[in-house]
Amino acid sequence: ATASLLEELDEQPAPPRIIATLTPTDAT
């Protein structure tokens, strides 16, 4: 659901910069 919300931002005239942080885990 988060991915869907962020993908919708591309349709805005001035979308925000997006930065995400991830700590790798064994299970994805």
PDB file of all heavy atoms in Angstrom:
ATOM      1  N   ALA A   1       0.836  -1.206   0.000  1.00  0.00           N
ATOM      2  CA  ALA A   1       0.000   0.000   0.000  1.00  0.00           C
ATOM      3  C   ALA A   1       0.874   1.261   0.000  1.00  0.00           C
ATOM      4  O   ALA A   1       0.559   2.256  -0.661  1.00  0.00           O
ATOM      5  CB  ALA A   1      -0.922  -0.010   1.221  1.00  0.00           C
ATOM      6  N   THR A   2       1.982   1.226   0.740  1.00  0.00           N
ATOM      7  CA  THR A   2       2.911   2.364   0.760  1.00  0.00           C
ATOM      8  C   THR A   2       3.494   2.597  -0.631  1.00  0.00           C
ATOM      9  O   THR A   2       3.617   3.747  -1.089  1.00  0.00           O
ATOM     10  CB  THR A   2       4.056   2.098   1.765  1.00  0.00           C
ATOM     11  OG1 THR A   2       3.500   1.906   3.054  1.00  0.00           O
ATOM     12  CG2 THR A   2       5.041   3.261   1.798  1.00  0.00           C
ATOM     13  N   ALA A   3       3.846   1.503  -1.315  1.00  0.00           N
ATOM     14  CA  ALA A   3       4.376   1.628  -2.672  1.00  0.00           C
ATOM     15  C   ALA A   3       3.355   2.298  -3.586  1.00  0.00           C
ATOM     16  O   ALA A   3       3.709   3.168  -4.405  1.00  0.00           O
ATOM     17  CB  ALA A   3       4.770   0.256  -3.215  1.00  0.00           C
ATOM     18  N   SER A   4       2.079   1.933  -3.438  1.00  0.00           N
ATOM     19  CA  SER A   4       1.032   2.536  -4.274  1.00  0.00           C
ATOM     20  C   SER A   4       0.911   4.037  -4.026  1.00  0.00           C
ATOM     21  O   SER A   4       0.798   4.833  -4.968  1.00  0.00           O
ATOM     22  CB  SER A   4      -0.319   1.859  -3.995  1.00  0.00           C
ATOM     23  OG  SER A   4      -0.266   0.489  -4.378  1.00  0.00           O
ATOM     24  N   LEU A   5       0.945   4.432  -2.732  1.00  0.00           N
ATOM     25  CA  LEU A   5       0.840   5.851  -2.410  1.00  0.00           C
ATOM     26  C   LEU A   5       2.018   6.647  -2.995  1.00  0.00           C
ATOM     27  O   LEU A   5       1.836   7.743  -3.527  1.00  0.00           O
ATOM     28  CB  LEU A   5       0.809   6.037  -0.890  1.00  0.00           C
ATOM     29  CG  LEU A   5      -0.500   5.662  -0.185  1.00  0.00           C
ATOM     30  CD1 LEU A   5      -0.327   5.731   1.328  1.00  0.00           C
ATOM     31  CD2 LEU A   5      -1.622   6.607  -0.624  1.00  0.00           C
ATOM     32  N   LEU A   6       3.202   6.082  -2.902  1.00  0.00           N
ATOM     33  CA  LEU A   6       4.377   6.791  -3.399  1.00  0.00           C
ATOM     34  C   LEU A   6       4.388   6.857  -4.922  1.00  0.00           C
ATOM     35  O   LEU A   6       4.844   7.849  -5.506  1.00  0.00           O
ATOM     36  CB  LEU A   6       5.650   6.112  -2.885  1.00  0.00           C
ATOM     37  CG  LEU A   6       5.828   6.109  -1.357  1.00  0.00           C
ATOM     38  CD1 LEU A   6       7.143   5.419  -0.976  1.00  0.00           C
ATOM     39  CD2 LEU A   6       5.799   7.527  -0.788  1.00  0.00           C
ATOM     40  N   GLU A   7       3.861   5.805  -5.569  1.00  0.00           N
ATOM     41  CA  GLU A   7       3.811   5.813  -7.034  1.00  0.00           C
ATOM     42  C   GLU A   7       2.846   6.882  -7.537  1.00  0.00           C
ATOM     43  O   GLU A   7       3.041   7.468  -8.606  1.00  0.00           O
ATOM     44  CB  GLU A   7       3.396   4.432  -7.540  1.00  0.00           C
ATOM     45  CG  GLU A   7       4.496   3.386  -7.374  1.00  0.00           C
ATOM     46  CD  GLU A   7       3.974   1.967  -7.521  1.00  0.00           C
ATOM     47  OE1 GLU A   7       2.744   1.808  -7.740  1.00  0.00           O
ATOM     48  OE2 GLU A   7       4.771   1.014  -7.396  1.00  0.00           O
ATOM     49  N   GLU A   8       1.795   7.165  -6.758  1.00  0.00           N
ATOM     50  CA  GLU A   8       0.819   8.182  -7.156  1.00  0.00           C
ATOM     51  C   GLU A   8       1.422   9.589  -7.134  1.00  0.00           C
ATOM     52  O   GLU A   8       0.915  10.499  -7.796  1.00  0.00           O
ATOM     53  CB  GLU A   8      -0.404   8.131  -6.229  1.00  0.00           C
ATOM     54  CG  GLU A   8      -1.240   6.865  -6.396  1.00  0.00           C
ATOM     55  CD  GLU A   8      -2.336   6.762  -5.338  1.00  0.00           C
ATOM     56  OE1 GLU A   8      -2.440   7.716  -4.513  1.00  0.00           O
ATOM     57  OE2 GLU A   8      -3.061   5.757  -5.310  1.00  0.00           O
ATOM     58  N   LEU A   9       2.491   9.763  -6.354  1.00  0.00           N
ATOM     59  CA  LEU A   9       3.102  11.093  -6.262  1.00  0.00           C
ATOM     60  C   LEU A   9       3.687  11.555  -7.593  1.00  0.00           C
ATOM     61  O   LEU A   9       3.862  12.753  -7.824  1.00  0.00           O
ATOM     62  CB  LEU A   9       4.215  11.090  -5.195  1.00  0.00           C
ATOM     63  CG  LEU A   9       3.757  10.862  -3.751  1.00  0.00           C
ATOM     64  CD1 LEU A   9       4.958  10.806  -2.814  1.00  0.00           C
ATOM     65  CD2 LEU A   9       2.801  11.972  -3.311  1.00  0.00           C
ATOM     66  N   ASP A  10       4.021  10.613  -8.473  1.00  0.00           N
ATOM     67  CA  ASP A  10       4.580  10.982  -9.774  1.00  0.00           C
ATOM     68  C   ASP A  10       3.599  11.804 -10.607  1.00  0.00           C
ATOM     69  O   ASP A  10       4.012  12.519 -11.542  1.00  0.00           O
ATOM     70  CB  ASP A  10       4.970   9.724 -10.555  1.00  0.00           C
ATOM     71  CG  ASP A  10       6.181   9.039  -9.943  1.00  0.00           C
ATOM     72  OD1 ASP A  10       6.960   9.726  -9.244  1.00  0.00           O
ATOM     73  OD2 ASP A  10       6.354   7.819 -10.157  1.00  0.00           O
ATOM     74  N   GLU A  11       2.303  11.710 -10.281  1.00  0.00           N
ATOM     75  CA  GLU A  11       1.288  12.438 -11.049  1.00  0.00           C
ATOM     76  C   GLU A  11       1.166  13.888 -10.597  1.00  0.00           C
ATOM     77  O   GLU A  11       0.506  14.688 -11.260  1.00  0.00           O
ATOM     78  CB  GLU A  11      -0.064  11.735 -10.919  1.00  0.00           C
ATOM     79  CG  GLU A  11      -0.029  10.291 -11.418  1.00  0.00           C
ATOM     80  CD  GLU A  11      -1.340   9.563 -11.160  1.00  0.00           C
ATOM     81  OE1 GLU A  11      -2.288  10.228 -10.682  1.00  0.00           O
ATOM     82  OE2 GLU A  11      -1.410   8.349 -11.440  1.00  0.00           O
ATOM     83  N   GLN A  12       1.768  14.240  -9.457  1.00  0.00           N
ATOM     84  CA  GLN A  12       1.698  15.620  -8.982  1.00  0.00           C
ATOM     85  C   GLN A  12       2.615  16.519  -9.819  1.00  0.00           C
ATOM     86  O   GLN A  12       3.644  16.065 -10.316  1.00  0.00           O
ATOM     87  CB  GLN A  12       2.118  15.699  -7.507  1.00  0.00           C
ATOM     88  CG  GLN A  12       1.169  14.982  -6.555  1.00  0.00           C
ATOM     89  CD  GLN A  12       1.591  15.178  -5.096  1.00  0.00           C
ATOM     90  OE1 GLN A  12       2.572  15.855  -4.795  1.00  0.00           O
ATOM     91  NE2 GLN A  12       0.836  14.544  -4.196  1.00  0.00           N
ATOM     92  N   PRO A  13       2.264  17.797  -9.959  1.00  0.00           N
ATOM     93  CA  PRO A  13       3.110  18.703 -10.746  1.00  0.00           C
ATOM     94  C   PRO A  13       4.490  18.920 -10.119  1.00  0.00           C
ATOM     95  O   PRO A  13       5.474  19.106 -10.834  1.00  0.00           O
ATOM     96  CB  PRO A  13       2.296  20.013 -10.778  1.00  0.00           C
ATOM     97  CG  PRO A  13       1.279  19.889  -9.692  1.00  0.00           C
ATOM     98  CD  PRO A  13       1.001  18.434  -9.516  1.00  0.00           C
ATOM     99  N   ALA A  14       4.579  18.921  -8.794  1.00  0.00           N
ATOM    100  CA  ALA A  14       5.880  19.097  -8.115  1.00  0.00           C
ATOM    101  C   ALA A  14       5.980  18.055  -7.009  1.00  0.00           C
ATOM    102  O   ALA A  14       5.773  18.352  -5.830  1.00  0.00           O
ATOM    103  CB  ALA A  14       6.016  20.502  -7.552  1.00  0.00           C
ATOM    104  N   PRO A  15       6.247  16.795  -7.386  1.00  0.00           N
ATOM    105  CA  PRO A  15       6.292  15.734  -6.376  1.00  0.00           C
ATOM    106  C   PRO A  15       7.457  15.935  -5.411  1.00  0.00           C
ATOM    107  O   PRO A  15       8.487  16.517  -5.775  1.00  0.00           O
ATOM    108  CB  PRO A  15       6.486  14.466  -7.210  1.00  0.00           C
ATOM    109  CG  PRO A  15       7.149  14.922  -8.456  1.00  0.00           C
ATOM    110  CD  PRO A  15       6.588  16.284  -8.729  1.00  0.00           C
ATOM    111  N   PRO A  16       7.325  15.483  -4.162  1.00  0.00           N
ATOM    112  CA  PRO A  16       8.412  15.639  -3.197  1.00  0.00           C
ATOM    113  C   PRO A  16       9.563  14.667  -3.491  1.00  0.00           C
ATOM    114  O   PRO A  16       9.373  13.637  -4.151  1.00  0.00           O
ATOM    115  CB  PRO A  16       7.746  15.293  -1.860  1.00  0.00           C
ATOM    116  CG  PRO A  16       6.655  14.340  -2.227  1.00  0.00           C
ATOM    117  CD  PRO A  16       6.145  14.807  -3.570  1.00  0.00           C
ATOM    118  N   ARG A  17      10.728  15.036  -3.024  1.00  0.00           N
ATOM    119  CA  ARG A  17      11.848  14.087  -3.056  1.00  0.00           C
ATOM    120  C   ARG A  17      11.517  12.953  -2.090  1.00  0.00           C
ATOM    121  O   ARG A  17      10.970  13.200  -1.007  1.00  0.00           O
ATOM    122  CB  ARG A  17      13.147  14.758  -2.622  1.00  0.00           C
ATOM    123  CG  ARG A  17      13.568  15.933  -3.493  1.00  0.00           C
ATOM    124  CD  ARG A  17      14.750  16.657  -2.841  1.00  0.00           C
ATOM    125  NE  ARG A  17      15.158  17.832  -3.577  1.00  0.00           N
ATOM    126  CZ  ARG A  17      16.118  17.831  -4.499  1.00  0.00           C
ATOM    127  NH1 ARG A  17      16.759  16.700  -4.790  1.00  0.00           N
ATOM    128  NH2 ARG A  17      16.445  18.939  -5.127  1.00  0.00           N
ATOM    129  N   ILE A  18      11.896  11.744  -2.454  1.00  0.00           N
ATOM    130  CA  ILE A  18      11.604  10.589  -1.600  1.00  0.00           C
ATOM    131  C   ILE A  18      12.909   9.907  -1.221  1.00  0.00           C
ATOM    132  O   ILE A  18      13.729   9.566  -2.088  1.00  0.00           O
ATOM    133  CB  ILE A  18      10.669   9.586  -2.307  1.00  0.00           C
ATOM    134  CG1 ILE A  18       9.330  10.233  -2.636  1.00  0.00           C
ATOM    135  CG2 ILE A  18      10.472   8.341  -1.436  1.00  0.00           C
ATOM    136  CD1 ILE A  18       8.415   9.344  -3.446  1.00  0.00           C
ATOM    137  N   ILE A  19      13.085   9.698   0.094  1.00  0.00           N
ATOM    138  CA  ILE A  19      14.216   8.920   0.604  1.00  0.00           C
ATOM    139  C   ILE A  19      13.668   7.908   1.609  1.00  0.00           C
ATOM    140  O   ILE A  19      12.892   8.278   2.499  1.00  0.00           O
ATOM    141  CB  ILE A  19      15.285   9.799   1.281  1.00  0.00           C
ATOM    142  CG1 ILE A  19      15.848  10.833   0.309  1.00  0.00           C
ATOM    143  CG2 ILE A  19      16.414   8.945   1.835  1.00  0.00           C
ATOM    144  CD1 ILE A  19      16.905  11.745   0.915  1.00  0.00           C
ATOM    145  N   ALA A  20      14.048   6.666   1.454  1.00  0.00           N
ATOM    146  CA  ALA A  20      13.645   5.619   2.394  1.00  0.00           C
ATOM    147  C   ALA A  20      14.901   4.969   2.974  1.00  0.00           C
ATOM    148  O   ALA A  20      15.956   4.944   2.343  1.00  0.00           O
ATOM    149  CB  ALA A  20      12.774   4.570   1.702  1.00  0.00           C
ATOM    150  N   THR A  21      14.771   4.455   4.196  1.00  0.00           N
ATOM    151  CA  THR A  21      15.894   3.751   4.817  1.00  0.00           C
ATOM    152  C   THR A  21      15.485   2.308   5.094  1.00  0.00           C
ATOM    153  O   THR A  21      14.340   2.028   5.455  1.00  0.00           O
ATOM    154  CB  THR A  21      16.336   4.421   6.131  1.00  0.00           C
ATOM    155  OG1 THR A  21      15.318   4.261   7.128  1.00  0.00           O
ATOM    156  CG2 THR A  21      16.636   5.890   5.917  1.00  0.00           C
ATOM    157  N   LEU A  22      16.450   1.411   4.931  1.00  0.00           N
ATOM    158  CA  LEU A  22      16.178  -0.025   5.047  1.00  0.00           C
ATOM    159  C   LEU A  22      17.332  -0.713   5.769  1.00  0.00           C
ATOM    160  O   LEU A  22      18.506  -0.532   5.407  1.00  0.00           O
ATOM    161  CB  LEU A  22      16.005  -0.638   3.652  1.00  0.00           C
ATOM    162  CG  LEU A  22      15.978  -2.174   3.561  1.00  0.00           C
ATOM    163  CD1 LEU A  22      14.656  -2.705   4.098  1.00  0.00           C
ATOM    164  CD2 LEU A  22      16.201  -2.643   2.122  1.00  0.00           C
ATOM    165  N   THR A  23      16.998  -1.499   6.792  1.00  0.00           N
ATOM    166  CA  THR A  23      17.964  -2.400   7.421  1.00  0.00           C
ATOM    167  C   THR A  23      17.712  -3.796   6.849  1.00  0.00           C
ATOM    168  O   THR A  23      16.647  -4.368   7.076  1.00  0.00           O
ATOM    169  CB  THR A  23      17.794  -2.426   8.950  1.00  0.00           C
ATOM    170  OG1 THR A  23      17.992  -1.102   9.462  1.00  0.00           O
ATOM    171  CG2 THR A  23      18.804  -3.367   9.581  1.00  0.00           C
ATOM    172  N   PRO A  24      18.639  -4.336   6.062  1.00  0.00           N
ATOM    173  CA  PRO A  24      18.394  -5.622   5.396  1.00  0.00           C
ATOM    174  C   PRO A  24      18.071  -6.739   6.386  1.00  0.00           C
ATOM    175  O   PRO A  24      18.647  -6.819   7.473  1.00  0.00           O
ATOM    176  CB  PRO A  24      19.718  -5.896   4.670  1.00  0.00           C
ATOM    177  CG  PRO A  24      20.338  -4.549   4.494  1.00  0.00           C
ATOM    178  CD  PRO A  24      19.952  -3.770   5.715  1.00  0.00           C
ATOM    179  N   THR A  25      17.144  -7.595   5.991  1.00  0.00           N
ATOM    180  CA  THR A  25      16.763  -8.766   6.790  1.00  0.00           C
ATOM    181  C   THR A  25      16.784  -9.999   5.896  1.00  0.00           C
ATOM    182  O   THR A  25      16.830  -9.899   4.671  1.00  0.00           O
ATOM    183  CB  THR A  25      15.354  -8.589   7.379  1.00  0.00           C
ATOM    184  OG1 THR A  25      14.407  -8.427   6.303  1.00  0.00           O
ATOM    185  CG2 THR A  25      15.290  -7.370   8.286  1.00  0.00           C
ATOM    186  N   ASP A  26      16.751 -11.158   6.544  1.00  0.00           N
ATOM    187  CA  ASP A  26      16.766 -12.409   5.780  1.00  0.00           C
ATOM    188  C   ASP A  26      15.459 -12.637   5.037  1.00  0.00           C
ATOM    189  O   ASP A  26      15.448 -13.196   3.935  1.00  0.00           O
ATOM    190  CB  ASP A  26      17.042 -13.594   6.717  1.00  0.00           C
ATOM    191  CG  ASP A  26      18.438 -13.544   7.309  1.00  0.00           C
ATOM    192  OD1 ASP A  26      19.320 -12.934   6.674  1.00  0.00           O
ATOM    193  OD2 ASP A  26      18.637 -14.080   8.408  1.00  0.00           O
ATOM    194  N   ALA A  27      14.350 -12.209   5.653  1.00  0.00           N
ATOM    195  CA  ALA A  27      13.037 -12.454   5.041  1.00  0.00           C
ATOM    196  C   ALA A  27      12.550 -11.204   4.311  1.00  0.00           C
ATOM    197  O   ALA A  27      12.502 -10.112   4.899  1.00  0.00           O
ATOM    198  CB  ALA A  27      12.033 -12.851   6.122  1.00  0.00           C
ATOM    199  N   THR A  28      12.201 -11.346   3.040  1.00  0.00           N
ATOM    200  CA  THR A  28      11.671 -10.238   2.244  1.00  0.00           C
ATOM    201  C   THR A  28      10.317 -10.646   1.677  1.00  0.00           C
ATOM    202  O   THR A  28      10.222 -11.607   0.911  1.00  0.00           O
ATOM    203  CB  THR A  28      12.629  -9.877   1.087  1.00  0.00           C
ATOM    204  OG1 THR A  28      13.900  -9.531   1.625  1.00  0.00           O
ATOM    205  CG2 THR A  28      12.089  -8.694   0.298  1.00  0.00           C
TER     206      THR A  28
END
